[in-house]
Amino acid sequence: MAKDKKYTLIVNEIDGLWQAQITRQVTSKKRHTSKEKSGFSSEAEALEWGEKELVNFSSTLNKSNQRHTQQRNANMEVRRQRAARRADKTEQAKLVKAETEDSTSATETAPENEI
């Protein structure tokens, strides 16, 4: 029985033929069969196929996880850029508001020149 970090290879004999299953334990009681093949004439054939498929299955899963990680990182970078632009825009709006309040209060409090 070969084992990966998450997946396990199980080989069973059913009516004189061998079956290989790649399974994953979902909960403490429940197992999910990710891939299986039956009809092998010997245990060695079933093990050979199962180990080869387990390696192939794991590498495919790792590549998929790497692609998702890259996409997630790219999306996070876009979100960071948006947040920075939003913060800059908010800061500019606050500065403009403060300047307009200062200029209006300065004109209201300025003494009028009488002739």
PDB file of N, CA and C in Angstrom:
ATOM      1  N   MET A   1       0.849  -1.173   0.000  1.00  0.00           N
ATOM      2  CA  MET A   1       0.000   0.000   0.000  1.00  0.00           C
ATOM      3  C   MET A   1       0.896   1.237   0.000  1.00  0.00           C
ATOM      4  N   ALA A   2       0.883   1.984  -1.097  1.00  0.00           N
ATOM      5  CA  ALA A   2       1.662   3.210  -1.208  1.00  0.00           C
ATOM      6  C   ALA A   2       0.879   4.349  -0.571  1.00  0.00           C
ATOM      7  N   LYS A   3       1.626   5.365  -0.133  1.00  0.00           N
ATOM      8  CA  LYS A   3       0.967   6.453   0.559  1.00  0.00           C
ATOM      9  C   LYS A   3       1.582   7.783   0.146  1.00  0.00           C
ATOM     10  N   ASP A   4       0.740   8.758  -0.070  1.00  0.00           N
ATOM     11  CA  ASP A   4       1.140  10.124  -0.336  1.00  0.00           C
ATOM     12  C   ASP A   4       0.745  10.920   0.893  1.00  0.00           C
ATOM     13  N   LYS A   5       0.977  12.238   0.880  1.00  0.00           N
ATOM     14  CA  LYS A   5       0.621  13.044   2.038  1.00  0.00           C
ATOM     15  C   LYS A   5      -0.884  12.976   2.327  1.00  0.00           C
ATOM     16  N   LYS A   6      -1.696  13.045   1.266  1.00  0.00           N
ATOM     17  CA  LYS A   6      -3.145  13.032   1.434  1.00  0.00           C
ATOM     18  C   LYS A   6      -3.798  11.773   0.886  1.00  0.00           C
ATOM     19  N   TYR A   7      -3.154  11.120  -0.048  1.00  0.00           N
ATOM     20  CA  TYR A   7      -3.776  10.028  -0.772  1.00  0.00           C
ATOM     21  C   TYR A   7      -3.107   8.701  -0.440  1.00  0.00           C
ATOM     22  N   THR A   8      -3.898   7.642  -0.505  1.00  0.00           N
ATOM     23  CA  THR A   8      -3.430   6.304  -0.186  1.00  0.00           C
ATOM     24  C   THR A   8      -3.803   5.368  -1.327  1.00  0.00           C
ATOM     25  N   LEU A   9      -2.914   4.428  -1.628  1.00  0.00           N
ATOM     26  CA  LEU A   9      -3.184   3.406  -2.628  1.00  0.00           C
ATOM     27  C   LEU A   9      -3.621   2.141  -1.917  1.00  0.00           C
ATOM     28  N   ILE A  10      -4.779   1.645  -2.288  1.00  0.00           N
ATOM     29  CA  ILE A  10      -5.300   0.414  -1.706  1.00  0.00           C
ATOM     30  C   ILE A  10      -5.474  -0.603  -2.827  1.00  0.00           C
ATOM     31  N   VAL A  11      -4.958  -1.823  -2.606  1.00  0.00           N
ATOM     32  CA  VAL A  11      -5.081  -2.900  -3.581  1.00  0.00           C
ATOM     33  C   VAL A  11      -5.921  -4.003  -2.955  1.00  0.00           C
ATOM     34  N   ASN A  12      -6.995  -4.406  -3.648  1.00  0.00           N
ATOM     35  CA  ASN A  12      -7.916  -5.441  -3.168  1.00  0.00           C
ATOM     36  C   ASN A  12      -8.032  -6.557  -4.197  1.00  0.00           C
ATOM     37  N   GLU A  13      -8.327  -7.760  -3.715  1.00  0.00           N
ATOM     38  CA  GLU A  13      -8.623  -8.872  -4.624  1.00  0.00           C
ATOM     39  C   GLU A  13     -10.124  -9.125  -4.592  1.00  0.00           C
ATOM     40  N   ILE A  14     -10.734  -9.135  -5.773  1.00  0.00           N
ATOM     41  CA  ILE A  14     -12.171  -9.378  -5.889  1.00  0.00           C
ATOM     42  C   ILE A  14     -12.384 -10.453  -6.955  1.00  0.00           C
ATOM     43  N   ASP A  15     -12.859 -11.600  -6.532  1.00  0.00           N
ATOM     44  CA  ASP A  15     -13.145 -12.726  -7.435  1.00  0.00           C
ATOM     45  C   ASP A  15     -11.943 -13.107  -8.305  1.00  0.00           C
ATOM     46  N   GLY A  16     -10.775 -13.147  -7.733  1.00  0.00           N
ATOM     47  CA  GLY A  16      -9.579 -13.561  -8.454  1.00  0.00           C
ATOM     48  C   GLY A  16      -8.932 -12.460  -9.272  1.00  0.00           C
ATOM     49  N   LEU A  17      -9.554 -11.292  -9.380  1.00  0.00           N
ATOM     50  CA  LEU A  17      -8.968 -10.141 -10.086  1.00  0.00           C
ATOM     51  C   LEU A  17      -8.597  -9.077  -9.065  1.00  0.00           C
ATOM     52  N   TRP A  18      -7.602  -8.304  -9.407  1.00  0.00           N
ATOM     53  CA  TRP A  18      -7.095  -7.291  -8.481  1.00  0.00           C
ATOM     54  C   TRP A  18      -7.588  -5.910  -8.881  1.00  0.00           C
ATOM     55  N   GLN A  19      -7.817  -5.098  -7.860  1.00  0.00           N
ATOM     56  CA  GLN A  19      -8.319  -3.742  -8.047  1.00  0.00           C
ATOM     57  C   GLN A  19      -7.406  -2.784  -7.290  1.00  0.00           C
ATOM     58  N   ALA A  20      -7.076  -1.637  -7.914  1.00  0.00           N
ATOM     59  CA  ALA A  20      -6.268  -0.599  -7.265  1.00  0.00           C
ATOM     60  C   ALA A  20      -7.121   0.655  -7.122  1.00  0.00           C
ATOM     61  N   GLN A  21      -7.055   1.278  -5.949  1.00  0.00           N
ATOM     62  CA  GLN A  21      -7.829   2.488  -5.683  1.00  0.00           C
ATOM     63  C   GLN A  21      -6.915   3.546  -5.068  1.00  0.00           C
ATOM     64  N   ILE A  22      -7.063   4.763  -5.528  1.00  0.00           N
ATOM     65  CA  ILE A  22      -6.407   5.911  -4.895  1.00  0.00           C
ATOM     66  C   ILE A  22      -7.493   6.591  -4.078  1.00  0.00           C
ATOM     67  N   THR A  23      -7.317   6.596  -2.757  1.00  0.00           N
ATOM     68  CA  THR A  23      -8.349   7.124  -1.866  1.00  0.00           C
ATOM     69  C   THR A  23      -7.801   8.261  -1.009  1.00  0.00           C
ATOM     70  N   ARG A  24      -8.742   9.030  -0.496  1.00  0.00           N
ATOM     71  CA  ARG A  24      -8.418  10.135   0.405  1.00  0.00           C
ATOM     72  C   ARG A  24      -9.381  10.053   1.572  1.00  0.00           C
ATOM     73  N   GLN A  25      -8.871  10.237   2.777  1.00  0.00           N
ATOM     74  CA  GLN A  25      -9.727  10.196   3.951  1.00  0.00           C
ATOM     75  C   GLN A  25     -10.331  11.581   4.175  1.00  0.00           C
ATOM     76  N   VAL A  26     -11.656  11.657   4.023  1.00  0.00           N
ATOM     77  CA  VAL A  26     -12.370  12.919   4.125  1.00  0.00           C
ATOM     78  C   VAL A  26     -12.624  13.263   5.588  1.00  0.00           C
ATOM     79  N   THR A  27     -13.198  12.323   6.325  1.00  0.00           N
ATOM     80  CA  THR A  27     -13.412  12.486   7.758  1.00  0.00           C
ATOM     81  C   THR A  27     -12.828  11.258   8.439  1.00  0.00           C
ATOM     82  N   SER A  28     -12.996  11.152   9.731  1.00  0.00           N
ATOM     83  CA  SER A  28     -12.436  10.008  10.438  1.00  0.00           C
ATOM     84  C   SER A  28     -13.081   8.692  10.007  1.00  0.00           C
ATOM     85  N   LYS A  29     -14.303   8.749   9.487  1.00  0.00           N
ATOM     86  CA  LYS A  29     -14.992   7.531   9.082  1.00  0.00           C
ATOM     87  C   LYS A  29     -15.205   7.411   7.580  1.00  0.00           C
ATOM     88  N   LYS A  30     -15.101   8.492   6.859  1.00  0.00           N
ATOM     89  CA  LYS A  30     -15.456   8.508   5.446  1.00  0.00           C
ATOM     90  C   LYS A  30     -14.223   8.587   4.557  1.00  0.00           C
ATOM     91  N   ARG A  31     -14.195   7.754   3.501  1.00  0.00           N
ATOM     92  CA  ARG A  31     -13.124   7.769   2.524  1.00  0.00           C
ATOM     93  C   ARG A  31     -13.719   8.056   1.148  1.00  0.00           C
ATOM     94  N   HIS A  32     -12.966   8.778   0.341  1.00  0.00           N
ATOM     95  CA  HIS A  32     -13.394   9.110  -1.012  1.00  0.00           C
ATOM     96  C   HIS A  32     -12.413   8.484  -1.992  1.00  0.00           C
ATOM     97  N   THR A  33     -12.920   7.733  -2.974  1.00  0.00           N
ATOM     98  CA  THR A  33     -12.075   7.129  -3.995  1.00  0.00           C
ATOM     99  C   THR A  33     -11.907   8.131  -5.124  1.00  0.00           C
ATOM    100  N   SER A  34     -10.675   8.592  -5.323  1.00  0.00           N
ATOM    101  CA  SER A  34     -10.403   9.576  -6.361  1.00  0.00           C
ATOM    102  C   SER A  34     -10.198   8.921  -7.722  1.00  0.00           C
ATOM    103  N   LYS A  35      -9.581   7.736  -7.723  1.00  0.00           N
ATOM    104  CA  LYS A  35      -9.314   7.044  -8.976  1.00  0.00           C
ATOM    105  C   LYS A  35      -9.233   5.558  -8.688  1.00  0.00           C
ATOM    106  N   GLU A  36      -9.749   4.748  -9.597  1.00  0.00           N
ATOM    107  CA  GLU A  36      -9.655   3.302  -9.402  1.00  0.00           C
ATOM    108  C   GLU A  36      -9.635   2.595 -10.738  1.00  0.00           C
ATOM    109  N   LYS A  37      -9.053   1.389 -10.710  1.00  0.00           N
ATOM    110  CA  LYS A  37      -9.043   0.538 -11.894  1.00  0.00           C
ATOM    111  C   LYS A  37      -9.037  -0.897 -11.412  1.00  0.00           C
ATOM    112  N   SER A  38      -9.803  -1.734 -12.087  1.00  0.00           N
ATOM    113  CA  SER A  38      -9.866  -3.140 -11.692  1.00  0.00           C
ATOM    114  C   SER A  38      -9.581  -4.015 -12.909  1.00  0.00           C
ATOM    115  N   GLY A  39      -9.473  -5.305 -12.650  1.00  0.00           N
ATOM    116  CA  GLY A  39      -9.260  -6.245 -13.741  1.00  0.00           C
ATOM    117  C   GLY A  39      -7.804  -6.664 -13.900  1.00  0.00           C
ATOM    118  N   PHE A  40      -6.966  -6.380 -12.924  1.00  0.00           N
ATOM    119  CA  PHE A  40      -5.563  -6.797 -12.997  1.00  0.00           C
ATOM    120  C   PHE A  40      -5.468  -8.283 -12.667  1.00  0.00           C
ATOM    121  N   SER A  41      -4.559  -8.977 -13.359  1.00  0.00           N
ATOM    122  CA  SER A  41      -4.424 -10.411 -13.126  1.00  0.00           C
ATOM    123  C   SER A  41      -3.546 -10.721 -11.918  1.00  0.00           C
ATOM    124  N   SER A  42      -2.706  -9.774 -11.508  1.00  0.00           N
ATOM    125  CA  SER A  42      -1.851 -10.019 -10.345  1.00  0.00           C
ATOM    126  C   SER A  42      -1.783  -8.774  -9.465  1.00  0.00           C
ATOM    127  N   GLU A  43      -1.386  -8.993  -8.226  1.00  0.00           N
ATOM    128  CA  GLU A  43      -1.248  -7.888  -7.283  1.00  0.00           C
ATOM    129  C   GLU A  43      -0.134  -6.944  -7.718  1.00  0.00           C
ATOM    130  N   ALA A  44       0.931  -7.512  -8.295  1.00  0.00           N
ATOM    131  CA  ALA A  44       2.063  -6.693  -8.733  1.00  0.00           C
ATOM    132  C   ALA A  44       1.641  -5.701  -9.817  1.00  0.00           C
ATOM    133  N   GLU A  45       0.811  -6.151 -10.755  1.00  0.00           N
ATOM    134  CA  GLU A  45       0.332  -5.248 -11.805  1.00  0.00           C
ATOM    135  C   GLU A  45      -0.511  -4.122 -11.213  1.00  0.00           C
ATOM    136  N   ALA A  46      -1.366  -4.483 -10.277  1.00  0.00           N
ATOM    137  CA  ALA A  46      -2.221  -3.478  -9.647  1.00  0.00           C
ATOM    138  C   ALA A  46      -1.387  -2.467  -8.871  1.00  0.00           C
ATOM    139  N   LEU A  47      -0.385  -2.953  -8.140  1.00  0.00           N
ATOM    140  CA  LEU A  47       0.500  -2.044  -7.395  1.00  0.00           C
ATOM    141  C   LEU A  47       1.281  -1.137  -8.329  1.00  0.00           C
ATOM    142  N   GLU A  48       1.784  -1.711  -9.414  1.00  0.00           N
ATOM    143  CA  GLU A  48       2.561  -0.913 -10.373  1.00  0.00           C
ATOM    144  C   GLU A  48       1.711   0.205 -10.958  1.00  0.00           C
ATOM    145  N   TRP A  49       0.501  -0.148 -11.417  1.00  0.00           N
ATOM    146  CA  TRP A  49      -0.391   0.860 -11.971  1.00  0.00           C
ATOM    147  C   TRP A  49      -0.737   1.905 -10.914  1.00  0.00           C
ATOM    148  N   GLY A  50      -1.073   1.449  -9.703  1.00  0.00           N
ATOM    149  CA  GLY A  50      -1.480   2.353  -8.639  1.00  0.00           C
ATOM    150  C   GLY A  50      -0.388   3.326  -8.236  1.00  0.00           C
ATOM    151  N   GLU A  51       0.843   2.830  -8.111  1.00  0.00           N
ATOM    152  CA  GLU A  51       1.951   3.720  -7.727  1.00  0.00           C
ATOM    153  C   GLU A  51       2.240   4.739  -8.822  1.00  0.00           C
ATOM    154  N   LYS A  52       2.188   4.277 -10.079  1.00  0.00           N
ATOM    155  CA  LYS A  52       2.410   5.194 -11.204  1.00  0.00           C
ATOM    156  C   LYS A  52       1.322   6.263 -11.236  1.00  0.00           C
ATOM    157  N   GLU A  53       0.078   5.860 -11.067  1.00  0.00           N
ATOM    158  CA  GLU A  53      -1.036   6.809 -11.087  1.00  0.00           C
ATOM    159  C   GLU A  53      -1.030   7.733  -9.868  1.00  0.00           C
ATOM    160  N   LEU A  54      -0.577   7.223  -8.727  1.00  0.00           N
ATOM    161  CA  LEU A  54      -0.502   8.057  -7.523  1.00  0.00           C
ATOM    162  C   LEU A  54       0.515   9.182  -7.716  1.00  0.00           C
ATOM    163  N   VAL A  55       1.657   8.857  -8.328  1.00  0.00           N
ATOM    164  CA  VAL A  55       2.666   9.881  -8.610  1.00  0.00           C
ATOM    165  C   VAL A  55       2.113  10.883  -9.621  1.00  0.00           C
ATOM    166  N   ASN A  56       1.476  10.377 -10.680  1.00  0.00           N
ATOM    167  CA  ASN A  56       0.891  11.237 -11.708  1.00  0.00           C
ATOM    168  C   ASN A  56      -0.215  12.116 -11.117  1.00  0.00           C
ATOM    169  N   PHE A  57      -1.051  11.535 -10.295  1.00  0.00           N
ATOM    170  CA  PHE A  57      -2.147  12.241  -9.654  1.00  0.00           C
ATOM    171  C   PHE A  57      -1.610  13.350  -8.758  1.00  0.00           C
ATOM    172  N   SER A  58      -0.579  13.048  -7.976  1.00  0.00           N
ATOM    173  CA  SER A  58       0.016  14.036  -7.065  1.00  0.00           C
ATOM    174  C   SER A  58       0.668  15.177  -7.832  1.00  0.00           C
ATOM    175  N   SER A  59       1.375  14.849  -8.921  1.00  0.00           N
ATOM    176  CA  SER A  59       2.038  15.914  -9.683  1.00  0.00           C
ATOM    177  C   SER A  59       1.007  16.818 -10.354  1.00  0.00           C
ATOM    178  N   THR A  60      -0.068  16.240 -10.865  1.00  0.00           N
ATOM    179  CA  THR A  60      -1.127  17.038 -11.476  1.00  0.00           C
ATOM    180  C   THR A  60      -1.770  17.954 -10.438  1.00  0.00           C
ATOM    181  N   LEU A  61      -1.994  17.422  -9.260  1.00  0.00           N
ATOM    182  CA  LEU A  61      -2.582  18.206  -8.179  1.00  0.00           C
ATOM    183  C   LEU A  61      -1.655  19.342  -7.743  1.00  0.00           C
ATOM    184  N   ASN A  62      -0.352  19.066  -7.664  1.00  0.00           N
ATOM    185  CA  ASN A  62       0.621  20.095  -7.286  1.00  0.00           C
ATOM    186  C   ASN A  62       0.672  21.209  -8.323  1.00  0.00           C
ATOM    187  N   LYS A  63       0.650  20.843  -9.608  1.00  0.00           N
ATOM    188  CA  LYS A  63       0.663  21.864 -10.663  1.00  0.00           C
ATOM    189  C   LYS A  63      -0.582  22.737 -10.579  1.00  0.00           C
ATOM    190  N   SER A  64      -1.719  22.112 -10.345  1.00  0.00           N
ATOM    191  CA  SER A  64      -2.968  22.859 -10.221  1.00  0.00           C
ATOM    192  C   SER A  64      -2.915  23.801  -9.017  1.00  0.00           C
ATOM    193  N   ASN A  65      -2.400  23.310  -7.910  1.00  0.00           N
ATOM    194  CA  ASN A  65      -2.279  24.150  -6.715  1.00  0.00           C
ATOM    195  C   ASN A  65      -1.346  25.323  -6.958  1.00  0.00           C
ATOM    196  N   GLN A  66      -0.248  25.106  -7.687  1.00  0.00           N
ATOM    197  CA  GLN A  66       0.680  26.199  -7.988  1.00  0.00           C
ATOM    198  C   GLN A  66       0.018  27.253  -8.871  1.00  0.00           C
ATOM    199  N   ARG A  67      -0.758  26.801  -9.877  1.00  0.00           N
ATOM    200  CA  ARG A  67      -1.466  27.760 -10.734  1.00  0.00           C
ATOM    201  C   ARG A  67      -2.444  28.591  -9.915  1.00  0.00           C
ATOM    202  N   HIS A  68      -3.180  27.928  -9.015  1.00  0.00           N
ATOM    203  CA  HIS A  68      -4.136  28.655  -8.184  1.00  0.00           C
ATOM    204  C   HIS A  68      -3.428  29.628  -7.245  1.00  0.00           C
ATOM    205  N   THR A  69      -2.271  29.223  -6.728  1.00  0.00           N
ATOM    206  CA  THR A  69      -1.506  30.107  -5.855  1.00  0.00           C
ATOM    207  C   THR A  69      -1.042  31.341  -6.616  1.00  0.00           C
ATOM    208  N   GLN A  70      -0.540  31.145  -7.840  1.00  0.00           N
ATOM    209  CA  GLN A  70      -0.095  32.281  -8.645  1.00  0.00           C
ATOM    210  C   GLN A  70      -1.255  33.219  -8.951  1.00  0.00           C
ATOM    211  N   GLN A  71      -2.393  32.657  -9.299  1.00  0.00           N
ATOM    212  CA  GLN A  71      -3.558  33.489  -9.598  1.00  0.00           C
ATOM    213  C   GLN A  71      -4.024  34.237  -8.352  1.00  0.00           C
ATOM    214  N   ARG A  72      -4.032  33.550  -7.214  1.00  0.00           N
ATOM    215  CA  ARG A  72      -4.446  34.184  -5.961  1.00  0.00           C
ATOM    216  C   ARG A  72      -3.490  35.327  -5.612  1.00  0.00           C
ATOM    217  N   ASN A  73      -2.183  35.111  -5.788  1.00  0.00           N
ATOM    218  CA  ASN A  73      -1.208  36.168  -5.502  1.00  0.00           C
ATOM    219  C   ASN A  73      -1.389  37.357  -6.439  1.00  0.00           C
ATOM    220  N   ALA A  74      -1.660  37.076  -7.711  1.00  0.00           N
ATOM    221  CA  ALA A  74      -1.894  38.168  -8.665  1.00  0.00           C
ATOM    222  C   ALA A  74      -3.144  38.949  -8.269  1.00  0.00           C
ATOM    223  N   ASN A  75      -4.201  38.246  -7.876  1.00  0.00           N
ATOM    224  CA  ASN A  75      -5.423  38.926  -7.448  1.00  0.00           C
ATOM    225  C   ASN A  75      -5.186  39.756  -6.190  1.00  0.00           C
ATOM    226  N   MET A  76      -4.399  39.241  -5.269  1.00  0.00           N
ATOM    227  CA  MET A  76      -4.087  39.994  -4.046  1.00  0.00           C
ATOM    228  C   MET A  76      -3.295  41.255  -4.380  1.00  0.00           C
ATOM    229  N   GLU A  77      -2.380  41.173  -5.347  1.00  0.00           N
ATOM    230  CA  GLU A  77      -1.606  42.347  -5.744  1.00  0.00           C
ATOM    231  C   GLU A  77      -2.529  43.408  -6.345  1.00  0.00           C
ATOM    232  N   VAL A  78      -3.474  42.986  -7.162  1.00  0.00           N
ATOM    233  CA  VAL A  78      -4.438  43.929  -7.750  1.00  0.00           C
ATOM    234  C   VAL A  78      -5.252  44.583  -6.643  1.00  0.00           C
ATOM    235  N   ARG A  79      -5.676  43.804  -5.655  1.00  0.00           N
ATOM    236  CA  ARG A  79      -6.436  44.357  -4.526  1.00  0.00           C
ATOM    237  C   ARG A  79      -5.599  45.358  -3.735  1.00  0.00           C
ATOM    238  N   ARG A  80      -4.323  45.035  -3.530  1.00  0.00           N
ATOM    239  CA  ARG A  80      -3.440  45.977  -2.812  1.00  0.00           C
ATOM    240  C   ARG A  80      -3.314  47.288  -3.575  1.00  0.00           C
ATOM    241  N   GLN A  81      -3.152  47.197  -4.908  1.00  0.00           N
ATOM    242  CA  GLN A  81      -3.029  48.398  -5.719  1.00  0.00           C
ATOM    243  C   GLN A  81      -4.312  49.229  -5.664  1.00  0.00           C
ATOM    244  N   ARG A  82      -5.451  48.557  -5.740  1.00  0.00           N
ATOM    245  CA  ARG A  82      -6.727  49.277  -5.643  1.00  0.00           C
ATOM    246  C   ARG A  82      -6.867  49.968  -4.294  1.00  0.00           C
ATOM    247  N   ALA A  83      -6.495  49.261  -3.241  1.00  0.00           N
ATOM    248  CA  ALA A  83      -6.595  49.845  -1.902  1.00  0.00           C
ATOM    249  C   ALA A  83      -5.670  51.050  -1.775  1.00  0.00           C
ATOM    250  N   ALA A  84      -4.483  50.967  -2.347  1.00  0.00           N
ATOM    251  CA  ALA A  84      -3.545  52.096  -2.290  1.00  0.00           C
ATOM    252  C   ALA A  84      -4.103  53.291  -3.073  1.00  0.00           C
ATOM    253  N   ARG A  85      -4.656  53.024  -4.258  1.00  0.00           N
ATOM    254  CA  ARG A  85      -5.254  54.120  -5.039  1.00  0.00           C
ATOM    255  C   ARG A  85      -6.422  54.747  -4.296  1.00  0.00           C
ATOM    256  N   ARG A  86      -7.246  53.899  -3.675  1.00  0.00           N
ATOM    257  CA  ARG A  86      -8.394  54.389  -2.927  1.00  0.00           C
ATOM    258  C   ARG A  86      -7.938  55.243  -1.747  1.00  0.00           C
ATOM    259  N   ALA A  87      -6.895  54.787  -1.053  1.00  0.00           N
ATOM    260  CA  ALA A  87      -6.375  55.555   0.085  1.00  0.00           C
ATOM    261  C   ALA A  87      -5.800  56.889  -0.380  1.00  0.00           C
ATOM    262  N   ASP A  88      -5.086  56.894  -1.513  1.00  0.00           N
ATOM    263  CA  ASP A  88      -4.548  58.143  -2.050  1.00  0.00           C
ATOM    264  C   ASP A  88      -5.668  59.103  -2.435  1.00  0.00           C
ATOM    265  N   LYS A  89      -6.698  58.566  -3.054  1.00  0.00           N
ATOM    266  CA  LYS A  89      -7.817  59.399  -3.470  1.00  0.00           C
ATOM    267  C   LYS A  89      -8.526  59.998  -2.250  1.00  0.00           C
ATOM    268  N   THR A  90      -8.703  59.205  -1.221  1.00  0.00           N
ATOM    269  CA  THR A  90      -9.341  59.680   0.009  1.00  0.00           C
ATOM    270  C   THR A  90      -8.489  60.757   0.667  1.00  0.00           C
ATOM    271  N   GLU A  91      -7.189  60.524   0.696  1.00  0.00           N
ATOM    272  CA  GLU A  91      -6.265  61.507   1.285  1.00  0.00           C
ATOM    273  C   GLU A  91      -6.302  62.822   0.513  1.00  0.00           C
ATOM    274  N   GLN A  92      -6.327  62.745  -0.822  1.00  0.00           N
ATOM    275  CA  GLN A  92      -6.405  63.951  -1.642  1.00  0.00           C
ATOM    276  C   GLN A  92      -7.722  64.699  -1.381  1.00  0.00           C
ATOM    277  N   ALA A  93      -8.799  63.943  -1.257  1.00  0.00           N
ATOM    278  CA  ALA A  93     -10.097  64.575  -0.995  1.00  0.00           C
ATOM    279  C   ALA A  93     -10.086  65.271   0.359  1.00  0.00           C
ATOM    280  N   LYS A  94      -9.465  64.663   1.352  1.00  0.00           N
ATOM    281  CA  LYS A  94      -9.375  65.293   2.671  1.00  0.00           C
ATOM    282  C   LYS A  94      -8.554  66.570   2.606  1.00  0.00           C
ATOM    283  N   LEU A  95      -7.445  66.542   1.851  1.00  0.00           N
ATOM    284  CA  LEU A  95      -6.616  67.741   1.717  1.00  0.00           C
ATOM    285  C   LEU A  95      -7.369  68.865   1.014  1.00  0.00           C
ATOM    286  N   VAL A  96      -8.084  68.538  -0.041  1.00  0.00           N
ATOM    287  CA  VAL A  96      -8.857  69.545  -0.776  1.00  0.00           C
ATOM    288  C   VAL A  96      -9.938  70.126   0.129  1.00  0.00           C
ATOM    289  N   LYS A  97     -10.598  69.278   0.884  1.00  0.00           N
ATOM    290  CA  LYS A  97     -11.644  69.738   1.795  1.00  0.00           C
ATOM    291  C   LYS A  97     -11.057  70.654   2.866  1.00  0.00           C
ATOM    292  N   ALA A  98      -9.902  70.292   3.405  1.00  0.00           N
ATOM    293  CA  ALA A  98      -9.261  71.112   4.429  1.00  0.00           C
ATOM    294  C   ALA A  98      -8.838  72.465   3.845  1.00  0.00           C
ATOM    295  N   GLU A  99      -8.320  72.462   2.620  1.00  0.00           N
ATOM    296  CA  GLU A  99      -7.903  73.714   1.978  1.00  0.00           C
ATOM    297  C   GLU A  99      -9.101  74.623   1.719  1.00  0.00           C
ATOM    298  N   THR A 100     -10.199  74.061   1.263  1.00  0.00           N
ATOM    299  CA  THR A 100     -11.374  74.894   0.987  1.00  0.00           C
ATOM    300  C   THR A 100     -11.956  75.452   2.282  1.00  0.00           C
ATOM    301  N   GLU A 101     -11.916  74.656   3.362  1.00  0.00           N
ATOM    302  CA  GLU A 101     -12.406  75.151   4.647  1.00  0.00           C
ATOM    303  C   GLU A 101     -11.509  76.269   5.164  1.00  0.00           C
ATOM    304  N   ASP A 102     -10.201  76.108   4.983  1.00  0.00           N
ATOM    305  CA  ASP A 102      -9.270  77.152   5.416  1.00  0.00           C
ATOM    306  C   ASP A 102      -9.470  78.430   4.622  1.00  0.00           C
ATOM    307  N   SER A 103      -9.654  78.301   3.320  1.00  0.00           N
ATOM    308  CA  SER A 103      -9.804  79.508   2.493  1.00  0.00           C
ATOM    309  C   SER A 103     -11.139  80.198   2.767  1.00  0.00           C
ATOM    310  N   THR A 104     -12.203  79.447   3.009  1.00  0.00           N
ATOM    311  CA  THR A 104     -13.489  80.087   3.300  1.00  0.00           C
ATOM    312  C   THR A 104     -13.473  80.720   4.675  1.00  0.00           C
ATOM    313  N   SER A 105     -12.838  80.102   5.635  1.00  0.00           N
ATOM    314  CA  SER A 105     -12.796  80.695   6.967  1.00  0.00           C
ATOM    315  C   SER A 105     -11.877  81.915   6.970  1.00  0.00           C
ATOM    316  N   ALA A 106     -10.852  81.913   6.130  1.00  0.00           N
ATOM    317  CA  ALA A 106      -9.947  83.065   6.056  1.00  0.00           C
ATOM    318  C   ALA A 106     -10.666  84.249   5.423  1.00  0.00           C
ATOM    319  N   THR A 107     -11.497  84.041   4.438  1.00  0.00           N
ATOM    320  CA  THR A 107     -12.207  85.152   3.793  1.00  0.00           C
ATOM    321  C   THR A 107     -13.331  85.666   4.673  1.00  0.00           C
ATOM    322  N   GLU A 108     -13.913  84.807   5.465  1.00  0.00           N
ATOM    323  CA  GLU A 108     -14.989  85.238   6.345  1.00  0.00           C
ATOM    324  C   GLU A 108     -14.447  86.054   7.512  1.00  0.00           C
ATOM    325  N   THR A 109     -13.274  85.742   8.001  1.00  0.00           N
ATOM    326  CA  THR A 109     -12.727  86.444   9.152  1.00  0.00           C
ATOM    327  C   THR A 109     -11.852  87.618   8.769  1.00  0.00           C
ATOM    328  N   ALA A 110     -11.576  87.827   7.507  1.00  0.00           N
ATOM    329  CA  ALA A 110     -10.713  88.929   7.089  1.00  0.00           C
ATOM    330  C   ALA A 110     -11.467  90.251   7.284  1.00  0.00           C
ATOM    331  N   PRO A 111     -10.772  91.242   7.834  1.00  0.00           N
ATOM    332  CA  PRO A 111     -11.448  92.534   8.039  1.00  0.00           C
ATOM    333  C   PRO A 111     -11.677  93.216   6.705  1.00  0.00           C
ATOM    334  N   GLU A 112     -12.792  93.918   6.635  1.00  0.00           N
ATOM    335  CA  GLU A 112     -13.121  94.612   5.402  1.00  0.00           C
ATOM    336  C   GLU A 112     -12.488  95.993   5.441  1.00  0.00           C
ATOM    337  N   ASN A 113     -11.960  96.362   4.323  1.00  0.00           N
ATOM    338  CA  ASN A 113     -11.342  97.693   4.205  1.00  0.00           C
ATOM    339  C   ASN A 113     -12.442  98.705   3.838  1.00  0.00           C
ATOM    340  N   GLU A 114     -12.577  99.706   4.691  1.00  0.00           N
ATOM    341  CA  GLU A 114     -13.573 100.718   4.402  1.00  0.00           C
ATOM    342  C   GLU A 114     -12.870 101.933   3.816  1.00  0.00           C
ATOM    343  N   ILE A 115     -13.511 102.562   2.919  1.00  0.00           N
ATOM    344  CA  ILE A 115     -12.931 103.747   2.268  1.00  0.00           C
ATOM    345  C   ILE A 115     -13.506 104.987   2.813  1.00  0.00           C
TER     346      ILE A 115
END
